[in-house]
Protein backbone atom coordinates (compact mmCIF):
# COMPACT_ATOMS: atom_id res chain seq x y z
CA MET A 1 -0.03 -0.04 0.01
CA GLY A 2 1.12 3.56 -0.70
CA ALA A 3 0.94 6.53 1.58
CA SER A 4 -2.56 7.42 0.52
CA GLY A 5 -4.07 3.84 1.14
CA LYS A 6 -3.93 2.95 -2.52
CA PRO A 7 -2.00 0.27 -3.95
CA LYS A 8 1.17 1.39 -5.67
CA LEU A 9 0.09 -0.12 -8.98
CA ILE A 10 -3.02 1.99 -9.02
CA LEU A 11 -0.90 4.99 -8.19
CA GLY A 12 1.31 4.34 -11.05
CA LEU A 13 -1.44 4.11 -13.34
CA GLU A 14 -2.75 7.44 -12.23
CA TRP A 15 0.57 9.15 -12.73
CA GLY A 16 0.88 7.41 -16.10
CA PHE A 17 -2.65 8.75 -16.98
CA TRP A 18 -1.61 12.40 -15.96
CA VAL A 19 1.67 11.96 -18.20
CA VAL A 20 -0.38 11.01 -21.15
CA LEU A 21 -2.78 14.10 -20.58
CA ALA A 22 0.28 16.48 -20.44
CA ALA A 23 1.81 15.00 -23.67
CA ALA A 24 -1.65 15.41 -25.30
CA GLY A 25 -1.91 19.08 -24.26
CA ILE A 26 1.73 19.71 -25.70
CA VAL A 27 0.80 17.93 -29.10
CA LEU A 28 -2.44 19.94 -29.34
CA GLY A 29 -0.44 23.36 -28.49
CA LEU A 30 2.13 22.55 -31.18
CA ILE A 31 -0.44 21.70 -33.87
CA LEU A 32 -3.04 24.29 -33.06
CA GLY A 33 -0.44 26.95 -32.32
CA LYS A 34 0.48 27.19 -35.77
CA ILE A 35 -3.02 27.45 -37.19
CA GLY A 36 -4.03 29.95 -34.39
CA GLU A 37 -1.01 31.96 -35.17
CA SER A 38 -1.77 32.26 -38.94
CA MET A 39 -5.35 32.99 -38.26
CA PHE A 40 -4.51 35.77 -36.06
CA ILE A 41 -2.17 37.34 -38.45
CA LYS A 42 -4.91 37.16 -41.30
CA SER A 43 -7.38 38.70 -38.94
CA MET A 44 -4.97 41.45 -38.07
CA GLN A 45 -4.49 42.24 -41.83
CA ILE A 46 -8.33 42.49 -42.34
CA MET A 47 -8.71 44.70 -39.38
CA ASP A 48 -5.66 47.04 -40.57
CA TYR A 49 -3.75 45.91 -37.65
CA ASP A 50 -6.10 47.57 -35.12
CA PHE A 51 -6.16 45.25 -32.13
CA LEU A 52 -9.39 46.99 -30.81
CA GLY A 53 -11.21 45.72 -33.84
CA PHE A 54 -11.65 42.36 -31.89
CA ALA A 55 -13.68 44.24 -29.30
CA GLU A 56 -16.11 45.49 -31.89
CA ARG A 57 -17.21 41.91 -32.61
CA PRO A 58 -19.45 40.72 -29.84
CA ILE A 59 -18.24 36.98 -29.92
CA ALA A 60 -14.68 38.00 -29.82
CA ALA A 61 -15.17 40.48 -27.12
CA VAL A 62 -17.07 37.89 -24.80
CA LEU A 63 -14.32 35.29 -25.52
CA ILE A 64 -11.53 37.87 -24.80
CA LEU A 65 -13.39 38.92 -21.54
CA ALA A 66 -13.65 35.18 -20.53
CA GLY A 67 -10.06 34.60 -21.03
CA VAL A 68 -9.21 37.69 -18.98
CA ALA A 69 -11.69 36.66 -16.23
CA THR A 70 -10.43 33.27 -16.10
CA MET A 71 -6.68 34.43 -15.66
CA VAL A 72 -7.71 37.06 -12.91
CA ALA A 73 -9.64 34.40 -11.13
CA SER A 74 -6.74 32.05 -11.22
CA ALA A 75 -4.28 34.74 -9.88
CA VAL A 76 -6.65 35.74 -7.03
CA ARG A 77 -7.00 31.92 -6.06
CA HIS A 78 -3.18 31.49 -6.06
CA PHE A 79 -2.80 34.72 -4.17
CA ARG A 80 -5.33 33.64 -1.56
CA ARG A 81 -3.76 30.29 -1.07
CA SER A 82 -0.39 31.59 -0.61
CA ARG A 83 -1.42 33.94 1.91
CA VAL A 84 -3.27 31.33 3.89
CA ALA A 85 0.01 28.84 3.68
CA THR A 86 2.09 31.67 5.01
CA GLY A 87 -0.29 32.53 7.74
CA GLY A 88 -0.56 36.18 6.58
């Protein structure tokens, strides 16, 4: 038995599962990164390199706001956990 009460074999399978998920994320990032970059360049050319043009389109504005909100929420959560861990 491992420290968590689970047999070591199952713990090993869990770690293997997470390694596969991490590799899948890297592969997706490598493949979709090139596609996303080329689409971003095309859209910037269409909008005459005006980044605020993304905010004029409602769907793009919502997606940008959702991304920013996710990053802010993650930062706040990390900050609160670090304050609790240090006792401050």
